[in-house]
C-alpha atoms as a PDB file:
ATOM      1  CA  MET A   1      25.520 -33.377  -7.619  1.00  0.00           C
ATOM      2  CA  LYS A   2      28.857 -33.546  -9.967  1.00  0.00           C
ATOM      3  CA  MET A   3      30.064 -31.543 -12.646  1.00  0.00           C
ATOM      4  CA  LYS A   4      33.558 -32.336 -14.657  1.00  0.00           C
ATOM      5  CA  ILE A   5      34.877 -29.636 -17.117  1.00  0.00           C
ATOM      6  CA  GLY A   6      36.640 -30.235 -19.630  1.00  0.00           C
ATOM      7  CA  TYR A   7      40.151 -27.418 -20.026  1.00  0.00           C
ATOM      8  CA  PHE A   8      41.409 -28.171 -23.398  1.00  0.00           C
ATOM      9  CA  TYR A   9      44.566 -26.756 -23.777  1.00  0.00           C
ATOM     10  CA  PRO A  10      45.224 -24.383 -20.769  1.00  0.00           C
ATOM     11  CA  THR A  11      48.779 -23.830 -21.413  1.00  0.00           C
ATOM     12  CA  LEU A  12      48.242 -23.074 -25.085  1.00  0.00           C
ATOM     13  CA  LEU A  13      45.550 -21.549 -25.380  1.00  0.00           C
ATOM     14  CA  ASN A  14      45.301 -19.072 -21.826  1.00  0.00           C
ATOM     15  CA  LEU A  15      45.847 -15.709 -23.867  1.00  0.00           C
ATOM     16  CA  TYR A  16      44.071 -13.399 -22.014  1.00  0.00           C
ATOM     17  CA  GLY A  17      43.543 -14.752 -18.820  1.00  0.00           C
ATOM     18  CA  ASP A  18      40.822 -17.092 -20.185  1.00  0.00           C
ATOM     19  CA  ASP A  19      42.130 -19.651 -17.647  1.00  0.00           C
ATOM     20  CA  GLY A  20      40.208 -17.429 -14.989  1.00  0.00           C
ATOM     21  CA  ASN A  21      36.717 -19.075 -16.613  1.00  0.00           C
ATOM     22  CA  VAL A  22      37.242 -22.431 -15.293  1.00  0.00           C
ATOM     23  CA  GLN A  23      38.251 -21.037 -11.872  1.00  0.00           C
ATOM     24  CA  ILE A  24      34.964 -19.086 -12.247  1.00  0.00           C
ATOM     25  CA  LEU A  25      33.107 -21.754 -13.255  1.00  0.00           C
ATOM     26  CA  LYS A  26      34.007 -24.459 -10.602  1.00  0.00           C
ATOM     27  CA  TYR A  27      33.735 -21.420  -7.988  1.00  0.00           C
ATOM     28  CA  ARG A  28      30.018 -20.814  -8.421  1.00  0.00           C
ATOM     29  CA  ALA A  29      29.532 -24.365  -8.616  1.00  0.00           C
ATOM     30  CA  GLU A  30      31.133 -25.187  -5.440  1.00  0.00           C
ATOM     31  CA  LYS A  31      29.455 -22.459  -3.353  1.00  0.00           C
ATOM     32  CA  ARG A  32      26.173 -24.759  -4.651  1.00  0.00           C
ATOM     33  CA  GLY A  33      27.097 -27.754  -3.516  1.00  0.00           C
ATOM     34  CA  ILE A  34      28.409 -29.072  -6.637  1.00  0.00           C
ATOM     35  CA  GLU A  35      31.380 -31.240  -6.897  1.00  0.00           C
ATOM     36  CA  VAL A  36      33.688 -30.039  -9.470  1.00  0.00           C
ATOM     37  CA  GLU A  37      36.485 -31.879 -10.943  1.00  0.00           C
ATOM     38  CA  VAL A  38      38.649 -29.938 -13.698  1.00  0.00           C
ATOM     39  CA  GLU A  39      40.467 -32.467 -15.875  1.00  0.00           C
ATOM     40  CA  LYS A  40      42.865 -30.613 -17.923  1.00  0.00           C
ATOM     41  CA  VAL A  41      43.853 -31.775 -21.796  1.00  0.00           C
ATOM     42  CA  GLY A  42      46.466 -30.918 -23.422  1.00  0.00           C
ATOM     43  CA  LEU A  43      47.911 -32.351 -26.734  1.00  0.00           C
ATOM     44  CA  GLU A  44      49.234 -35.609 -25.748  1.00  0.00           C
ATOM     45  CA  THR A  45      46.193 -36.933 -23.717  1.00  0.00           C
ATOM     46  CA  ASP A  46      43.731 -40.055 -24.843  1.00  0.00           C
ATOM     47  CA  LEU A  47      39.954 -38.542 -25.454  1.00  0.00           C
ATOM     48  CA  GLU A  48      38.953 -42.905 -25.397  1.00  0.00           C
ATOM     49  CA  GLY A  49      36.400 -43.497 -22.589  1.00  0.00           C
ATOM     50  CA  LYS A  50      36.588 -39.608 -21.048  1.00  0.00           C
ATOM     51  CA  GLY A  51      33.269 -38.342 -20.281  1.00  0.00           C
ATOM     52  CA  PHE A  52      32.190 -34.557 -19.937  1.00  0.00           C
ATOM     53  CA  GLU A  53      29.370 -32.181 -18.530  1.00  0.00           C
ATOM     54  CA  LEU A  54      30.977 -29.077 -20.145  1.00  0.00           C
ATOM     55  CA  ILE A  55      33.819 -28.286 -22.272  1.00  0.00           C
ATOM     56  CA  PHE A  56      35.641 -24.866 -22.416  1.00  0.00           C
ATOM     57  CA  MET A  57      38.564 -23.603 -25.271  1.00  0.00           C
ATOM     58  CA  GLY A  58      40.124 -20.394 -24.791  1.00  0.00           C
ATOM     59  CA  GLY A  59      42.208 -18.283 -27.368  1.00  0.00           C
ATOM     60  CA  GLY A  60      45.792 -18.304 -28.225  1.00  0.00           C
ATOM     61  CA  PRO A  61      49.136 -16.681 -30.342  1.00  0.00           C
ATOM     62  CA  ASP A  62      49.164 -18.202 -33.970  1.00  0.00           C
ATOM     63  CA  SER A  63      52.118 -20.077 -32.521  1.00  0.00           C
ATOM     64  CA  SER A  64      50.426 -22.614 -29.952  1.00  0.00           C
ATOM     65  CA  GLN A  65      46.805 -22.352 -32.333  1.00  0.00           C
ATOM     66  CA  LYS A  66      49.028 -24.191 -35.241  1.00  0.00           C
ATOM     67  CA  ASP A  67      49.826 -26.929 -32.552  1.00  0.00           C
ATOM     68  CA  VAL A  68      46.415 -27.618 -31.991  1.00  0.00           C
ATOM     69  CA  TYR A  69      45.504 -27.407 -34.604  1.00  0.00           C
ATOM     70  CA  LYS A  70      47.437 -30.307 -35.962  1.00  0.00           C
ATOM     71  CA  ASP A  71      46.106 -32.162 -32.206  1.00  0.00           C
ATOM     72  CA  LEU A  72      42.785 -31.218 -33.558  1.00  0.00           C
ATOM     73  CA  VAL A  73      42.418 -32.106 -36.749  1.00  0.00           C
ATOM     74  CA  THR A  74      44.138 -35.726 -36.011  1.00  0.00           C
ATOM     75  CA  GLU A  75      43.476 -36.314 -33.051  1.00  0.00           C
ATOM     76  CA  LYS A  76      40.690 -34.819 -31.059  1.00  0.00           C
ATOM     77  CA  GLY A  77      38.122 -33.355 -33.875  1.00  0.00           C
ATOM     78  CA  GLU A  78      35.882 -36.054 -33.483  1.00  0.00           C
ATOM     79  CA  PHE A  79      35.463 -36.064 -30.135  1.00  0.00           C
ATOM     80  CA  LEU A  80      34.423 -32.589 -29.797  1.00  0.00           C
ATOM     81  CA  LYS A  81      32.153 -32.909 -32.538  1.00  0.00           C
ATOM     82  CA  GLU A  82      29.926 -35.697 -31.421  1.00  0.00           C
ATOM     83  CA  PHE A  83      30.070 -33.839 -28.107  1.00  0.00           C
ATOM     84  CA  VAL A  84      28.749 -30.969 -29.408  1.00  0.00           C
ATOM     85  CA  GLU A  85      26.238 -32.440 -31.482  1.00  0.00           C
ATOM     86  CA  ASN A  86      25.036 -34.864 -28.733  1.00  0.00           C
ATOM     87  CA  GLY A  87      23.905 -31.655 -26.948  1.00  0.00           C
ATOM     88  CA  GLY A  88      27.129 -31.252 -24.713  1.00  0.00           C
ATOM     89  CA  VAL A  89      28.011 -27.729 -23.167  1.00  0.00           C
ATOM     90  CA  GLY A  90      30.483 -25.738 -24.186  1.00  0.00           C
ATOM     91  CA  LEU A  91      32.313 -22.481 -24.208  1.00  0.00           C
ATOM     92  CA  TYR A  92      35.234 -21.882 -27.171  1.00  0.00           C
ATOM     93  CA  ILE A  93      36.694 -18.374 -27.062  1.00  0.00           C
ATOM     94  CA  CYS A  94      38.554 -17.021 -29.713  1.00  0.00           C
ATOM     95  CA  GLY A  95      40.649 -18.591 -31.831  1.00  0.00           C
ATOM     96  CA  SER A  96      39.474 -21.912 -30.503  1.00  0.00           C
ATOM     97  CA  TYR A  97      36.065 -20.303 -32.117  1.00  0.00           C
ATOM     98  CA  GLN A  98      37.790 -19.859 -35.431  1.00  0.00           C
ATOM     99  CA  LEU A  99      39.108 -23.097 -35.511  1.00  0.00           C
ATOM    100  CA  PHE A 100      35.286 -24.659 -34.985  1.00  0.00           C
ATOM    101  CA  GLY A 101      34.435 -23.479 -38.258  1.00  0.00           C
ATOM    102  CA  LYS A 102      34.548 -24.101 -41.941  1.00  0.00           C
ATOM    103  CA  TYR A 103      37.875 -22.585 -42.406  1.00  0.00           C
ATOM    104  CA  TYR A 104      40.182 -19.596 -41.552  1.00  0.00           C
ATOM    105  CA  LYS A 105      41.840 -17.827 -43.982  1.00  0.00           C
ATOM    106  CA  SER A 106      44.993 -16.296 -43.180  1.00  0.00           C
ATOM    107  CA  ALA A 107      46.050 -12.743 -44.606  1.00  0.00           C
ATOM    108  CA  ASP A 108      48.401 -14.268 -46.890  1.00  0.00           C
ATOM    109  CA  GLY A 109      45.924 -16.326 -48.346  1.00  0.00           C
ATOM    110  CA  SER A 110      46.607 -19.064 -47.051  1.00  0.00           C
ATOM    111  CA  VAL A 111      43.576 -21.558 -46.007  1.00  0.00           C
ATOM    112  CA  LEU A 112      43.004 -23.809 -42.432  1.00  0.00           C
ATOM    113  CA  ASP A 113      40.092 -26.234 -43.330  1.00  0.00           C
ATOM    114  CA  GLY A 114      38.128 -25.809 -39.444  1.00  0.00           C
ATOM    115  CA  LEU A 115      36.606 -28.686 -37.828  1.00  0.00           C
ATOM    116  CA  GLY A 116      32.970 -27.983 -39.257  1.00  0.00           C
ATOM    117  CA  ILE A 117      31.068 -27.899 -36.036  1.00  0.00           C
ATOM    118  CA  PHE A 118      29.645 -24.271 -36.435  1.00  0.00           C
ATOM    119  CA  ASP A 119      28.712 -23.189 -39.305  1.00  0.00           C
ATOM    120  CA  LEU A 120      30.837 -19.798 -39.470  1.00  0.00           C
ATOM    121  CA  TYR A 121      34.150 -18.837 -41.559  1.00  0.00           C
ATOM    122  CA  THR A 122      36.837 -16.978 -40.570  1.00  0.00           C
ATOM    123  CA  GLU A 123      39.316 -14.084 -42.714  1.00  0.00           C
ATOM    124  CA  HIS A 124      41.921 -12.022 -41.891  1.00  0.00           C
ATOM    125  CA  PHE A 125      42.283  -9.153 -44.413  1.00  0.00           C
ATOM    126  CA  GLY A 126      45.802  -7.957 -43.333  1.00  0.00           C
ATOM    127  CA  LYS A 127      46.062  -4.323 -42.682  1.00  0.00           C
ATOM    128  CA  ASP A 128      43.143  -3.131 -45.006  1.00  0.00           C
ATOM    129  CA  LYS A 129      41.408  -3.465 -42.179  1.00  0.00           C
ATOM    130  CA  PRO A 130      42.377  -2.872 -38.426  1.00  0.00           C
ATOM    131  CA  ARG A 131      42.093  -5.598 -35.779  1.00  0.00           C
ATOM    132  CA  CYS A 132      38.792  -5.791 -33.816  1.00  0.00           C
ATOM    133  CA  ILE A 133      39.993  -4.124 -30.331  1.00  0.00           C
ATOM    134  CA  GLY A 134      38.279  -2.819 -27.329  1.00  0.00           C
ATOM    135  CA  ASN A 135      35.481  -3.449 -25.161  1.00  0.00           C
ATOM    136  CA  VAL A 136      31.885  -5.301 -25.789  1.00  0.00           C
ATOM    137  CA  VAL A 137      28.362  -5.055 -25.190  1.00  0.00           C
ATOM    138  CA  CYS A 138      25.808  -6.873 -26.145  1.00  0.00           C
ATOM    139  CA  GLU A 139      23.162  -7.929 -26.081  1.00  0.00           C
ATOM    140  CA  SER A 140      22.691 -11.520 -25.543  1.00  0.00           C
ATOM    141  CA  ASN A 141      20.020 -14.136 -27.258  1.00  0.00           C
ATOM    142  CA  LEU A 142      20.216 -16.764 -24.200  1.00  0.00           C
ATOM    143  CA  ASN A 143      17.036 -16.377 -21.779  1.00  0.00           C
ATOM    144  CA  LEU A 144      19.943 -15.857 -18.745  1.00  0.00           C
ATOM    145  CA  VAL A 145      17.222 -16.075 -16.387  1.00  0.00           C
ATOM    146  CA  SER A 146      19.555 -13.925 -13.097  1.00  0.00           C
ATOM    147  CA  VAL A 147      18.094 -12.508  -9.785  1.00  0.00           C
ATOM    148  CA  ASN A 148      20.518  -9.446 -10.295  1.00  0.00           C
ATOM    149  CA  LEU A 149      21.660  -8.642 -13.947  1.00  0.00           C
ATOM    150  CA  SER A 150      19.390  -8.235 -17.319  1.00  0.00           C
ATOM    151  CA  ASN A 151      20.531  -9.833 -20.722  1.00  0.00           C
ATOM    152  CA  ASN A 152      23.155  -8.119 -20.993  1.00  0.00           C
ATOM    153  CA  LEU A 153      27.425  -9.611 -22.053  1.00  0.00           C
ATOM    154  CA  VAL A 154      29.912  -7.317 -21.335  1.00  0.00           C
ATOM    155  CA  GLY A 155      33.994  -8.461 -22.661  1.00  0.00           C
ATOM    156  CA  PHE A 156      37.082  -7.381 -24.245  1.00  0.00           C
ATOM    157  CA  GLU A 157      37.618  -8.327 -27.973  1.00  0.00           C
ATOM    158  CA  ASN A 158      41.066  -8.407 -29.744  1.00  0.00           C
ATOM    159  CA  HIS A 159      41.267 -10.072 -33.332  1.00  0.00           C
ATOM    160  CA  GLY A 160      42.485  -9.412 -37.103  1.00  0.00           C
ATOM    161  CA  GLY A 161      40.213 -12.503 -37.751  1.00  0.00           C
ATOM    162  CA  ARG A 162      36.547 -11.235 -38.647  1.00  0.00           C
ATOM    163  CA  THR A 163      34.264 -14.079 -38.308  1.00  0.00           C
ATOM    164  CA  TYR A 164      30.765 -14.482 -40.982  1.00  0.00           C
ATOM    165  CA  LEU A 165      27.983 -17.010 -39.437  1.00  0.00           C
ATOM    166  CA  GLY A 166      26.032 -19.286 -42.150  1.00  0.00           C
ATOM    167  CA  GLU A 167      22.624 -18.247 -42.910  1.00  0.00           C
ATOM    168  CA  GLY A 168      20.666 -20.181 -40.308  1.00  0.00           C
ATOM    169  CA  ALA A 169      22.958 -20.137 -37.774  1.00  0.00           C
ATOM    170  CA  THR A 170      22.064 -18.361 -34.429  1.00  0.00           C
ATOM    171  CA  PRO A 171      24.598 -15.527 -33.249  1.00  0.00           C
ATOM    172  CA  LEU A 172      25.157 -15.531 -29.582  1.00  0.00           C
ATOM    173  CA  ALA A 173      24.235 -11.650 -28.839  1.00  0.00           C
ATOM    174  CA  LYS A 174      23.492  -8.772 -31.217  1.00  0.00           C
ATOM    175  CA  VAL A 175      26.185  -5.689 -30.488  1.00  0.00           C
ATOM    176  CA  SER A 176      25.316  -2.699 -29.022  1.00  0.00           C
ATOM    177  CA  LYS A 177      29.489  -1.620 -28.283  1.00  0.00           C
ATOM    178  CA  GLY A 178      32.635  -2.729 -29.817  1.00  0.00           C
ATOM    179  CA  HIS A 179      33.318  -4.484 -33.485  1.00  0.00           C
ATOM    180  CA  GLY A 180      31.733  -8.634 -32.817  1.00  0.00           C
ATOM    181  CA  ASN A 181      32.313 -10.881 -35.271  1.00  0.00           C
ATOM    182  CA  ASN A 182      32.873  -8.758 -38.142  1.00  0.00           C
ATOM    183  CA  SER A 183      31.907  -5.182 -37.346  1.00  0.00           C
ATOM    184  CA  GLU A 184      29.646  -5.194 -39.887  1.00  0.00           C
ATOM    185  CA  ASP A 185      26.531  -6.811 -39.175  1.00  0.00           C
ATOM    186  CA  GLY A 186      26.456  -6.083 -35.506  1.00  0.00           C
ATOM    187  CA  THR A 187      26.453 -10.205 -34.430  1.00  0.00           C
ATOM    188  CA  GLU A 188      28.570 -11.756 -31.512  1.00  0.00           C
ATOM    189  CA  GLY A 189      29.619 -15.271 -31.315  1.00  0.00           C
ATOM    190  CA  ILE A 190      27.556 -18.127 -32.044  1.00  0.00           C
ATOM    191  CA  LEU A 191      24.761 -20.499 -30.427  1.00  0.00           C
ATOM    192  CA  TYR A 192      24.446 -23.844 -31.467  1.00  0.00           C
ATOM    193  CA  LYS A 193      22.357 -26.386 -29.510  1.00  0.00           C
ATOM    194  CA  ASN A 194      24.424 -26.618 -26.089  1.00  0.00           C
ATOM    195  CA  SER A 195      27.615 -24.617 -26.750  1.00  0.00           C
ATOM    196  CA  ILE A 196      28.637 -21.301 -27.657  1.00  0.00           C
ATOM    197  CA  GLY A 197      31.433 -19.642 -29.174  1.00  0.00           C
ATOM    198  CA  THR A 198      32.379 -15.976 -28.531  1.00  0.00           C
ATOM    199  CA  TYR A 199      35.312 -13.169 -28.794  1.00  0.00           C
ATOM    200  CA  LEU A 200      34.729 -12.214 -25.898  1.00  0.00           C
ATOM    201  CA  HIS A 201      37.801 -11.630 -22.973  1.00  0.00           C
ATOM    202  CA  GLY A 202      38.233 -11.052 -19.672  1.00  0.00           C
ATOM    203  CA  PRO A 203      37.105 -13.000 -18.659  1.00  0.00           C
ATOM    204  CA  VAL A 204      34.261 -13.608 -19.971  1.00  0.00           C
ATOM    205  CA  LEU A 205      32.669 -15.376 -17.194  1.00  0.00           C
ATOM    206  CA  ALA A 206      34.554 -13.280 -14.516  1.00  0.00           C
ATOM    207  CA  ARG A 207      32.860 -10.175 -15.482  1.00  0.00           C
ATOM    208  CA  ASN A 208      29.410 -11.647 -16.579  1.00  0.00           C
ATOM    209  CA  PRO A 209      28.196 -14.126 -13.819  1.00  0.00           C
ATOM    210  CA  HIS A 210      25.036 -14.928 -15.081  1.00  0.00           C
ATOM    211  CA  LEU A 211      26.310 -16.580 -18.511  1.00  0.00           C
ATOM    212  CA  ALA A 212      28.730 -19.105 -15.815  1.00  0.00           C
ATOM    213  CA  ASP A 213      25.506 -19.651 -13.836  1.00  0.00           C
ATOM    214  CA  TYR A 214      23.483 -20.544 -17.273  1.00  0.00           C
ATOM    215  CA  LEU A 215      26.370 -23.144 -18.036  1.00  0.00           C
ATOM    216  CA  ILE A 216      26.567 -24.765 -14.994  1.00  0.00           C
ATOM    217  CA  ALA A 217      22.929 -24.737 -15.001  1.00  0.00           C
ATOM    218  CA  LYS A 218      23.134 -26.681 -18.568  1.00  0.00           C
ATOM    219  CA  SER A 219      25.740 -29.107 -17.574  1.00  0.00           C
ATOM    220  CA  VAL A 220      24.299 -30.375 -14.483  1.00  0.00           C
ATOM    221  CA  GLY A 221      20.280 -30.204 -15.585  1.00  0.00           C
ATOM    222  CA  LEU A 222      18.995 -27.063 -13.101  1.00  0.00           C
ATOM    223  CA  ASP A 223      16.301 -25.231 -14.187  1.00  0.00           C
ATOM    224  CA  LEU A 224      17.330 -21.128 -13.836  1.00  0.00           C
ATOM    225  CA  PRO A 225      17.040 -19.161 -12.520  1.00  0.00           C
ATOM    226  CA  LEU A 226      19.934 -20.430  -9.610  1.00  0.00           C
ATOM    227  CA  SER A 227      20.387 -19.435  -6.450  1.00  0.00           C
ATOM    228  CA  PRO A 228      21.643 -15.894  -5.836  1.00  0.00           C
ATOM    229  CA  LEU A 229      24.972 -16.196  -4.580  1.00  0.00           C
ATOM    230  CA  ALA A 230      26.815 -12.844  -1.855  1.00  0.00           C
ATOM    231  CA  ASP A 231      29.160 -11.929  -4.426  1.00  0.00           C
ATOM    232  CA  ALA A 232      28.024  -8.206  -4.722  1.00  0.00           C
ATOM    233  CA  PHE A 233      32.241  -7.663  -6.555  1.00  0.00           C
ATOM    234  CA  ALA A 234      31.115  -9.734  -9.397  1.00  0.00           C
ATOM    235  CA  TYR A 235      27.880  -8.076 -10.011  1.00  0.00           C
ATOM    236  CA  ASN A 236      29.452  -5.195  -9.440  1.00  0.00           C
ATOM    237  CA  ALA A 237      32.417  -5.695 -12.176  1.00  0.00           C
ATOM    238  CA  HIS A 238      29.375  -6.855 -14.735  1.00  0.00           C
ATOM    239  CA  THR A 239      27.995  -3.409 -13.999  1.00  0.00           C
ATOM    240  CA  ALA A 240      30.797  -1.261 -14.831  1.00  0.00           C
ATOM    241  CA  SER A 241      32.092  -2.946 -17.812  1.00  0.00           C
ATOM    242  CA  ARG A 242      29.036  -1.229 -19.174  1.00  0.00           C
ATOM    243  CA  LYS A 243      29.734   1.846 -18.528  1.00  0.00           C
ATOM    244  CA  LEU A 244      33.692   1.369 -20.059  1.00  0.00           C
ATOM    245  CA  LYS A 245      34.146   3.253 -23.269  1.00  0.00           C
ATOM    246  CA  GLN A 246      34.973   1.155 -26.487  1.00  0.00           C
END
């Protein structure tokens, strides 16, 4: 059994150690006998003929996101849209999560059109509203079947933009601690087909091994729950994170 991960913009979108998410996926899959190939996709990469079981894209500073935005719109947007619409498994964090929406309105009023894959938009209200920063605990809308853990997700968020889901969109989770999408409606992230958008850093999969297992199972067509691993440290990290102050 093989799993090919497309890791988009690893040098540009790795602001909070999100590279760790790919490492966790590779580790947990290989421990179960799944052969994993990670292909790094940069600005110069031609995607013609490429095939992935899973795509990962992280978040980055504004300067990096400008370079990424241009490449997404002119070169890679159609590939990603087709991948998502056809049920491809993906995890998109913070800046990439925002760019997958309809638009991003910055504090100065300028607007960047997004890829329009996710039914959401993001607005930055400048100094009128503080950044959404801190630890997050939320109840997932996924069926995260796990031998060791509940349906909770934990992570760390730091974003100035506030994201609002469309009327029919499904959030990834309901927030019990933290800001989530916008610090107003209690939602965090989005679920669309087999793709996940979220503000959770951490890296999120290091602190939520059951979410990593969910993505692996979806990518290669395995039933949940996957066989448990001898990784008490990862499970303890999740449990401890749930007790952290915001």
